[in-house]
Amino acid sequence: MTRRSFLGRAWRAGAALGTSLLALPLVRFASWQAGPAQAAVRAGPASAFPPGSRLPVAGQPLWIVHEAGGDLAAVLGRCTHLGCPLESDPSSGGWRCPCHGSRFDPSGAAVHGPATRPLPHAALWEEDGVLWADPAHPVPAGTRLRLEEGGA
């Protein structure tokens, strides 16, 4: 094999590898579809979310935020950039996306891109001491639930 043919084959193999590495994420992005709308989710007993906490709901891309003043909110825990599950960001009190580095403040507003949209909030209510959230029914970001005395 001559040096010219070796370099030609190496270049074509590198080009094929590079093209496939670029194409796979594009194919995954193009084929992504939102799943079916979720039904209401049982977040857990209200007492499991003490004031000042920001806790995930087990098995769900959902966080219950119990503000120090007593108000509660349900925040969807998927990045508004490409839908990656979010992680808690203790340094800011908000969330961060492990996929592309987006950051969200404690209210869910995007503070660092590539995400530009805020995190959606879900309907939240309390029944017999249990918190329920409905990710299929978004509510304005300022919507809060205030529990009756003794509810949390």
N, C-alpha and C. Protein backbone atom coordinates (compact mmCIF):
# COMPACT_ATOMS: atom_id res chain seq x y z
N MET A 1 0.86 -1.17 0.00
CA MET A 1 0.00 0.00 0.00
C MET A 1 0.90 1.24 0.00
N THR A 2 0.59 2.14 -0.86
CA THR A 2 1.39 3.36 -0.95
C THR A 2 0.95 4.35 0.13
N ARG A 3 1.82 5.29 0.37
CA ARG A 3 1.51 6.32 1.37
C ARG A 3 0.26 7.10 0.95
N ARG A 4 0.14 7.39 -0.35
CA ARG A 4 -1.00 8.14 -0.87
C ARG A 4 -2.31 7.38 -0.64
N SER A 5 -2.34 6.08 -0.92
CA SER A 5 -3.58 5.32 -0.72
C SER A 5 -3.89 5.17 0.77
N PHE A 6 -2.87 5.00 1.61
CA PHE A 6 -3.09 4.92 3.06
C PHE A 6 -3.71 6.20 3.58
N LEU A 7 -3.13 7.35 3.21
CA LEU A 7 -3.65 8.64 3.67
C LEU A 7 -5.06 8.89 3.14
N GLY A 8 -5.34 8.46 1.92
CA GLY A 8 -6.69 8.60 1.35
C GLY A 8 -7.71 7.80 2.14
N ARG A 9 -7.36 6.55 2.46
CA ARG A 9 -8.27 5.71 3.25
C ARG A 9 -8.45 6.26 4.66
N ALA A 10 -7.36 6.72 5.27
CA ALA A 10 -7.44 7.28 6.62
C ALA A 10 -8.32 8.53 6.63
N TRP A 11 -8.18 9.38 5.61
CA TRP A 11 -9.00 10.59 5.54
C TRP A 11 -10.47 10.24 5.39
N ARG A 12 -10.80 9.26 4.51
CA ARG A 12 -12.20 8.86 4.31
C ARG A 12 -12.77 8.23 5.57
N ALA A 13 -11.97 7.43 6.28
CA ALA A 13 -12.45 6.82 7.53
C ALA A 13 -12.71 7.90 8.58
N GLY A 14 -11.82 8.87 8.67
CA GLY A 14 -12.01 9.98 9.62
C GLY A 14 -13.23 10.81 9.27
N ALA A 15 -13.43 11.06 7.98
CA ALA A 15 -14.61 11.83 7.55
C ALA A 15 -15.89 11.07 7.86
N ALA A 16 -15.89 9.76 7.63
CA ALA A 16 -17.08 8.95 7.92
C ALA A 16 -17.37 8.94 9.43
N LEU A 17 -16.33 8.82 10.24
CA LEU A 17 -16.51 8.83 11.70
C LEU A 17 -17.03 10.19 12.16
N GLY A 18 -16.44 11.26 11.66
CA GLY A 18 -16.88 12.60 12.04
C GLY A 18 -18.32 12.87 11.63
N THR A 19 -18.69 12.44 10.42
CA THR A 19 -20.06 12.63 9.94
C THR A 19 -21.05 11.87 10.81
N SER A 20 -20.71 10.64 11.18
CA SER A 20 -21.62 9.85 12.01
C SER A 20 -21.74 10.45 13.42
N LEU A 21 -20.64 10.98 13.95
CA LEU A 21 -20.70 11.60 15.27
C LEU A 21 -21.58 12.85 15.25
N LEU A 22 -21.60 13.57 14.16
CA LEU A 22 -22.47 14.75 14.04
C LEU A 22 -23.90 14.36 13.71
N ALA A 23 -24.09 13.31 12.93
CA ALA A 23 -25.42 12.93 12.48
C ALA A 23 -26.26 12.29 13.57
N LEU A 24 -25.65 11.50 14.46
CA LEU A 24 -26.43 10.80 15.48
C LEU A 24 -27.23 11.75 16.38
N PRO A 25 -26.64 12.81 16.93
CA PRO A 25 -27.46 13.72 17.73
C PRO A 25 -28.55 14.42 16.91
N LEU A 26 -28.26 14.73 15.65
CA LEU A 26 -29.27 15.37 14.82
C LEU A 26 -30.45 14.43 14.55
N VAL A 27 -30.18 13.17 14.32
CA VAL A 27 -31.25 12.20 14.10
C VAL A 27 -32.06 12.04 15.38
N ARG A 28 -31.38 11.98 16.52
CA ARG A 28 -32.08 11.84 17.80
C ARG A 28 -32.97 13.06 18.05
N PHE A 29 -32.45 14.25 17.78
CA PHE A 29 -33.23 15.48 17.97
C PHE A 29 -34.44 15.51 17.04
N ALA A 30 -34.23 15.16 15.77
CA ALA A 30 -35.31 15.20 14.79
C ALA A 30 -36.39 14.18 15.09
N SER A 31 -36.05 13.07 15.71
CA SER A 31 -37.05 12.03 15.98
C SER A 31 -37.67 12.15 17.37
N TRP A 32 -37.26 13.17 18.16
CA TRP A 32 -37.80 13.33 19.51
C TRP A 32 -39.24 13.76 19.43
N GLN A 33 -40.07 13.13 20.23
CA GLN A 33 -41.48 13.50 20.31
C GLN A 33 -41.86 13.55 21.78
N ALA A 34 -42.72 14.50 22.09
CA ALA A 34 -43.23 14.56 23.46
C ALA A 34 -44.10 13.34 23.68
N GLY A 35 -44.00 12.76 24.85
CA GLY A 35 -44.81 11.61 25.18
C GLY A 35 -46.25 12.01 25.42
N PRO A 36 -47.10 11.03 25.69
CA PRO A 36 -48.49 11.36 25.96
C PRO A 36 -48.61 12.19 27.24
N ALA A 37 -49.65 12.98 27.29
CA ALA A 37 -49.86 13.83 28.47
C ALA A 37 -49.98 12.95 29.72
N GLN A 38 -49.32 13.38 30.78
CA GLN A 38 -49.35 12.61 32.02
C GLN A 38 -50.63 12.92 32.79
N ALA A 39 -51.06 11.97 33.56
CA ALA A 39 -52.17 12.19 34.47
C ALA A 39 -51.62 12.85 35.73
N ALA A 40 -52.50 13.17 36.63
CA ALA A 40 -52.08 13.78 37.89
C ALA A 40 -51.11 12.85 38.62
N VAL A 41 -50.14 13.46 39.29
CA VAL A 41 -49.08 12.74 39.98
C VAL A 41 -49.23 12.95 41.48
N ARG A 42 -49.16 11.87 42.24
CA ARG A 42 -49.19 11.97 43.70
C ARG A 42 -47.78 12.33 44.15
N ALA A 43 -47.61 13.56 44.60
CA ALA A 43 -46.28 14.02 45.02
C ALA A 43 -45.90 13.45 46.38
N GLY A 44 -46.86 13.28 47.26
CA GLY A 44 -46.59 12.74 48.58
C GLY A 44 -47.28 13.56 49.65
N PRO A 45 -47.13 13.15 50.90
CA PRO A 45 -47.74 13.91 51.97
C PRO A 45 -47.17 15.32 52.05
N ALA A 46 -48.02 16.27 52.34
CA ALA A 46 -47.57 17.67 52.42
C ALA A 46 -46.45 17.81 53.45
N SER A 47 -46.49 17.01 54.50
CA SER A 47 -45.47 17.09 55.55
C SER A 47 -44.08 16.67 55.06
N ALA A 48 -44.02 15.99 53.90
CA ALA A 48 -42.72 15.55 53.36
C ALA A 48 -41.97 16.70 52.68
N PHE A 49 -42.63 17.85 52.55
CA PHE A 49 -42.03 19.01 51.89
C PHE A 49 -41.99 20.18 52.87
N PRO A 50 -41.00 20.22 53.75
CA PRO A 50 -40.94 21.27 54.78
C PRO A 50 -40.68 22.65 54.16
N PRO A 51 -41.10 23.70 54.84
CA PRO A 51 -40.83 25.05 54.33
C PRO A 51 -39.34 25.26 54.06
N GLY A 52 -39.06 25.93 52.95
CA GLY A 52 -37.68 26.18 52.55
C GLY A 52 -37.08 25.06 51.73
N SER A 53 -37.86 24.02 51.41
CA SER A 53 -37.31 22.88 50.66
C SER A 53 -37.64 22.99 49.18
N ARG A 54 -36.85 22.26 48.40
CA ARG A 54 -37.01 22.14 46.95
C ARG A 54 -36.66 20.70 46.65
N LEU A 55 -37.68 19.83 46.58
CA LEU A 55 -37.44 18.40 46.50
C LEU A 55 -38.07 17.78 45.26
N PRO A 56 -37.37 16.79 44.67
CA PRO A 56 -37.94 16.11 43.50
C PRO A 56 -39.02 15.12 43.93
N VAL A 57 -39.95 14.89 43.01
CA VAL A 57 -40.98 13.88 43.22
C VAL A 57 -40.42 12.57 42.65
N ALA A 58 -40.43 11.53 43.45
CA ALA A 58 -39.82 10.25 43.06
C ALA A 58 -40.40 9.74 41.74
N GLY A 59 -39.49 9.41 40.82
CA GLY A 59 -39.90 8.82 39.55
C GLY A 59 -40.54 9.78 38.56
N GLN A 60 -40.51 11.08 38.84
CA GLN A 60 -41.16 12.06 37.97
C GLN A 60 -40.20 13.22 37.67
N PRO A 61 -40.32 13.83 36.50
CA PRO A 61 -39.54 15.03 36.22
C PRO A 61 -40.24 16.25 36.81
N LEU A 62 -40.38 16.27 38.12
CA LEU A 62 -41.19 17.27 38.80
C LEU A 62 -40.56 17.60 40.15
N TRP A 63 -40.54 18.87 40.50
CA TRP A 63 -40.00 19.32 41.78
C TRP A 63 -41.08 20.08 42.54
N ILE A 64 -41.17 19.84 43.83
CA ILE A 64 -42.07 20.61 44.68
C ILE A 64 -41.21 21.61 45.44
N VAL A 65 -41.56 22.88 45.29
CA VAL A 65 -40.85 23.97 45.95
C VAL A 65 -41.74 24.49 47.06
N HIS A 66 -41.27 24.40 48.30
CA HIS A 66 -42.02 24.93 49.45
C HIS A 66 -41.23 26.13 49.96
N GLU A 67 -41.71 27.31 49.61
CA GLU A 67 -41.00 28.53 49.96
C GLU A 67 -41.05 28.77 51.46
N ALA A 68 -40.08 29.53 51.95
CA ALA A 68 -39.98 29.80 53.38
C ALA A 68 -41.25 30.47 53.91
N GLY A 69 -41.94 31.24 53.06
CA GLY A 69 -43.17 31.91 53.48
C GLY A 69 -44.37 30.98 53.56
N GLY A 70 -44.22 29.75 53.11
CA GLY A 70 -45.29 28.77 53.21
C GLY A 70 -45.97 28.41 51.90
N ASP A 71 -45.72 29.17 50.83
CA ASP A 71 -46.34 28.86 49.54
C ASP A 71 -45.62 27.71 48.85
N LEU A 72 -46.40 26.93 48.09
CA LEU A 72 -45.85 25.78 47.36
C LEU A 72 -46.06 25.97 45.86
N ALA A 73 -45.15 25.38 45.08
CA ALA A 73 -45.26 25.37 43.62
C ALA A 73 -44.73 24.04 43.11
N ALA A 74 -45.25 23.63 41.96
CA ALA A 74 -44.77 22.43 41.27
C ALA A 74 -44.06 22.88 40.00
N VAL A 75 -42.77 22.57 39.88
CA VAL A 75 -41.95 22.99 38.74
C VAL A 75 -41.56 21.75 37.95
N LEU A 76 -41.79 21.80 36.63
CA LEU A 76 -41.40 20.68 35.79
C LEU A 76 -39.88 20.64 35.65
N GLY A 77 -39.30 19.49 35.90
CA GLY A 77 -37.85 19.35 35.94
C GLY A 77 -37.22 18.89 34.65
N ARG A 78 -37.64 19.46 33.53
CA ARG A 78 -37.03 19.17 32.23
C ARG A 78 -36.56 20.48 31.62
N CYS A 79 -35.34 20.47 31.13
CA CYS A 79 -34.76 21.68 30.53
C CYS A 79 -35.60 22.11 29.32
N THR A 80 -35.82 23.42 29.22
CA THR A 80 -36.61 23.95 28.11
C THR A 80 -35.81 24.04 26.81
N HIS A 81 -34.54 23.66 26.84
CA HIS A 81 -33.72 23.65 25.63
C HIS A 81 -34.01 22.39 24.83
N LEU A 82 -33.69 21.22 25.38
CA LEU A 82 -33.92 19.96 24.67
C LEU A 82 -34.58 18.89 25.53
N GLY A 83 -35.05 19.24 26.71
CA GLY A 83 -35.81 18.30 27.53
C GLY A 83 -35.01 17.38 28.42
N CYS A 84 -33.76 17.67 28.66
CA CYS A 84 -32.96 16.84 29.56
C CYS A 84 -33.48 16.98 30.99
N PRO A 85 -33.37 15.91 31.80
CA PRO A 85 -33.78 16.03 33.21
C PRO A 85 -32.82 16.96 33.96
N LEU A 86 -33.37 17.80 34.81
CA LEU A 86 -32.57 18.77 35.54
C LEU A 86 -32.03 18.21 36.84
N GLU A 87 -30.94 18.81 37.30
CA GLU A 87 -30.34 18.47 38.59
C GLU A 87 -30.42 19.70 39.48
N SER A 88 -30.43 19.46 40.77
CA SER A 88 -30.41 20.55 41.73
C SER A 88 -29.07 21.28 41.63
N ASP A 89 -29.12 22.60 41.80
CA ASP A 89 -27.90 23.42 41.80
C ASP A 89 -27.82 24.12 43.15
N PRO A 90 -27.20 23.47 44.15
CA PRO A 90 -27.16 24.03 45.50
C PRO A 90 -26.51 25.42 45.58
N SER A 91 -25.59 25.72 44.68
CA SER A 91 -24.90 27.00 44.75
C SER A 91 -25.84 28.17 44.47
N SER A 92 -26.84 27.96 43.62
CA SER A 92 -27.77 29.04 43.28
C SER A 92 -29.15 28.84 43.88
N GLY A 93 -29.42 27.64 44.38
CA GLY A 93 -30.76 27.34 44.87
C GLY A 93 -31.73 27.03 43.75
N GLY A 94 -31.22 26.89 42.52
CA GLY A 94 -32.06 26.59 41.37
C GLY A 94 -31.75 25.23 40.79
N TRP A 95 -31.72 25.17 39.46
CA TRP A 95 -31.47 23.91 38.75
C TRP A 95 -30.44 24.13 37.66
N ARG A 96 -29.80 23.02 37.24
CA ARG A 96 -28.87 23.07 36.11
C ARG A 96 -29.14 21.86 35.22
N CYS A 97 -28.85 22.05 33.95
CA CYS A 97 -29.02 20.99 32.96
C CYS A 97 -27.66 20.32 32.75
N PRO A 98 -27.57 19.01 32.99
CA PRO A 98 -26.28 18.33 32.81
C PRO A 98 -25.91 18.13 31.34
N CYS A 99 -26.87 18.30 30.43
CA CYS A 99 -26.59 18.06 29.01
C CYS A 99 -25.85 19.22 28.34
N HIS A 100 -26.35 20.44 28.52
CA HIS A 100 -25.79 21.57 27.79
C HIS A 100 -25.47 22.77 28.66
N GLY A 101 -25.63 22.64 29.98
CA GLY A 101 -25.19 23.70 30.88
C GLY A 101 -26.18 24.81 31.19
N SER A 102 -27.42 24.70 30.76
CA SER A 102 -28.40 25.74 31.11
C SER A 102 -28.57 25.78 32.61
N ARG A 103 -28.88 26.98 33.13
CA ARG A 103 -29.12 27.15 34.56
C ARG A 103 -30.41 27.93 34.75
N PHE A 104 -31.12 27.55 35.81
CA PHE A 104 -32.40 28.18 36.14
C PHE A 104 -32.37 28.63 37.59
N ASP A 105 -32.95 29.80 37.86
CA ASP A 105 -32.97 30.30 39.24
C ASP A 105 -34.08 29.60 40.03
N PRO A 106 -34.22 29.87 41.32
CA PRO A 106 -35.22 29.17 42.14
C PRO A 106 -36.67 29.35 41.66
N SER A 107 -36.95 30.42 40.92
CA SER A 107 -38.31 30.62 40.40
C SER A 107 -38.53 29.87 39.09
N GLY A 108 -37.45 29.34 38.49
CA GLY A 108 -37.56 28.61 37.23
C GLY A 108 -37.16 29.44 36.02
N ALA A 109 -36.77 30.71 36.22
CA ALA A 109 -36.35 31.55 35.10
C ALA A 109 -34.99 31.10 34.59
N ALA A 110 -34.82 31.10 33.27
CA ALA A 110 -33.54 30.74 32.66
C ALA A 110 -32.55 31.88 32.89
N VAL A 111 -31.40 31.56 33.48
CA VAL A 111 -30.39 32.58 33.76
C VAL A 111 -29.10 32.36 32.97
N HIS A 112 -28.96 31.19 32.36
CA HIS A 112 -27.77 30.90 31.56
C HIS A 112 -28.17 29.92 30.48
N GLY A 113 -27.86 30.23 29.22
CA GLY A 113 -28.28 29.42 28.08
C GLY A 113 -27.51 28.14 27.93
N PRO A 114 -27.93 27.37 26.97
CA PRO A 114 -28.69 27.74 25.79
C PRO A 114 -30.21 27.88 26.00
N ALA A 115 -30.78 27.39 27.08
CA ALA A 115 -32.22 27.55 27.29
C ALA A 115 -32.55 29.03 27.48
N THR A 116 -33.66 29.45 26.88
CA THR A 116 -34.09 30.84 27.02
C THR A 116 -35.46 30.94 27.67
N ARG A 117 -36.23 29.86 27.66
CA ARG A 117 -37.57 29.87 28.24
C ARG A 117 -37.52 29.41 29.70
N PRO A 118 -38.41 29.95 30.54
CA PRO A 118 -38.45 29.52 31.94
C PRO A 118 -39.03 28.11 32.06
N LEU A 119 -38.80 27.50 33.21
CA LEU A 119 -39.36 26.18 33.48
C LEU A 119 -40.87 26.30 33.68
N PRO A 120 -41.64 25.41 33.07
CA PRO A 120 -43.09 25.45 33.27
C PRO A 120 -43.45 25.02 34.70
N HIS A 121 -44.54 25.56 35.19
CA HIS A 121 -45.09 25.18 36.49
C HIS A 121 -46.36 24.37 36.24
N ALA A 122 -46.63 23.42 37.10
CA ALA A 122 -47.80 22.55 36.95
C ALA A 122 -48.84 22.88 38.01
N ALA A 123 -50.07 22.55 37.69
CA ALA A 123 -51.15 22.71 38.66
C ALA A 123 -50.81 21.87 39.89
N LEU A 124 -51.07 22.42 41.07
CA LEU A 124 -50.74 21.75 42.34
C LEU A 124 -51.91 21.94 43.29
N TRP A 125 -52.31 20.87 43.97
CA TRP A 125 -53.38 20.97 44.96
C TRP A 125 -53.15 19.96 46.06
N GLU A 126 -53.90 20.13 47.14
CA GLU A 126 -53.77 19.27 48.32
C GLU A 126 -55.13 18.62 48.58
N GLU A 127 -55.10 17.32 48.82
CA GLU A 127 -56.30 16.55 49.17
C GLU A 127 -55.97 15.66 50.34
N ASP A 128 -56.66 15.86 51.45
CA ASP A 128 -56.48 15.02 52.64
C ASP A 128 -55.02 14.92 53.06
N GLY A 129 -54.30 16.04 53.02
CA GLY A 129 -52.92 16.06 53.47
C GLY A 129 -51.91 15.56 52.45
N VAL A 130 -52.36 15.24 51.23
CA VAL A 130 -51.48 14.74 50.18
C VAL A 130 -51.41 15.78 49.06
N LEU A 131 -50.20 16.06 48.57
CA LEU A 131 -50.01 16.98 47.45
C LEU A 131 -50.12 16.22 46.13
N TRP A 132 -50.85 16.82 45.19
CA TRP A 132 -51.02 16.28 43.85
C TRP A 132 -50.60 17.35 42.86
N ALA A 133 -49.97 16.94 41.76
CA ALA A 133 -49.58 17.86 40.70
C ALA A 133 -50.02 17.27 39.37
N ASP A 134 -50.32 18.15 38.43
CA ASP A 134 -50.74 17.72 37.10
C ASP A 134 -49.86 18.38 36.04
N PRO A 135 -48.79 17.68 35.61
CA PRO A 135 -47.87 18.24 34.62
C PRO A 135 -48.54 18.56 33.29
N ALA A 136 -49.66 17.94 32.98
CA ALA A 136 -50.36 18.19 31.72
C ALA A 136 -51.11 19.51 31.74
N HIS A 137 -51.24 20.13 32.92
CA HIS A 137 -51.95 21.40 33.03
C HIS A 137 -51.01 22.48 33.57
N PRO A 138 -50.31 23.17 32.68
CA PRO A 138 -49.40 24.22 33.13
C PRO A 138 -50.17 25.40 33.71
N VAL A 139 -49.52 26.08 34.65
CA VAL A 139 -50.08 27.28 35.27
C VAL A 139 -49.03 28.38 35.18
N PRO A 140 -49.44 29.65 35.30
CA PRO A 140 -48.45 30.73 35.29
C PRO A 140 -47.43 30.54 36.41
N ALA A 141 -46.20 30.98 36.15
CA ALA A 141 -45.10 30.77 37.09
C ALA A 141 -45.38 31.35 38.47
N GLY A 142 -46.18 32.37 38.59
CA GLY A 142 -46.46 32.97 39.89
C GLY A 142 -47.53 32.25 40.68
N THR A 143 -48.13 31.20 40.13
CA THR A 143 -49.21 30.48 40.81
C THR A 143 -48.64 29.68 41.97
N ARG A 144 -49.21 29.88 43.13
CA ARG A 144 -48.75 29.18 44.34
C ARG A 144 -49.93 28.56 45.06
N LEU A 145 -49.64 27.53 45.84
CA LEU A 145 -50.62 26.89 46.71
C LEU A 145 -50.26 27.25 48.14
N ARG A 146 -51.22 27.74 48.88
CA ARG A 146 -51.00 28.01 50.30
C ARG A 146 -51.85 27.01 51.06
N LEU A 147 -51.17 26.21 51.88
CA LEU A 147 -51.88 25.20 52.66
C LEU A 147 -52.58 25.83 53.85
N GLU A 148 -53.70 25.23 54.20
CA GLU A 148 -54.43 25.67 55.40
C GLU A 148 -53.56 25.36 56.62
N GLU A 149 -53.82 26.05 57.72
CA GLU A 149 -53.06 25.81 58.96
C GLU A 149 -53.07 24.32 59.28
N GLY A 150 -51.91 23.80 59.63
CA GLY A 150 -51.79 22.38 59.99
C GLY A 150 -51.68 21.48 58.78
N GLY A 151 -51.70 22.04 57.54
CA GLY A 151 -51.63 21.22 56.34
C GLY A 151 -50.23 20.75 56.02
N ALA A 152 -49.22 21.45 56.53
CA ALA A 152 -47.85 21.02 56.23
C ALA A 152 -47.02 20.97 57.48
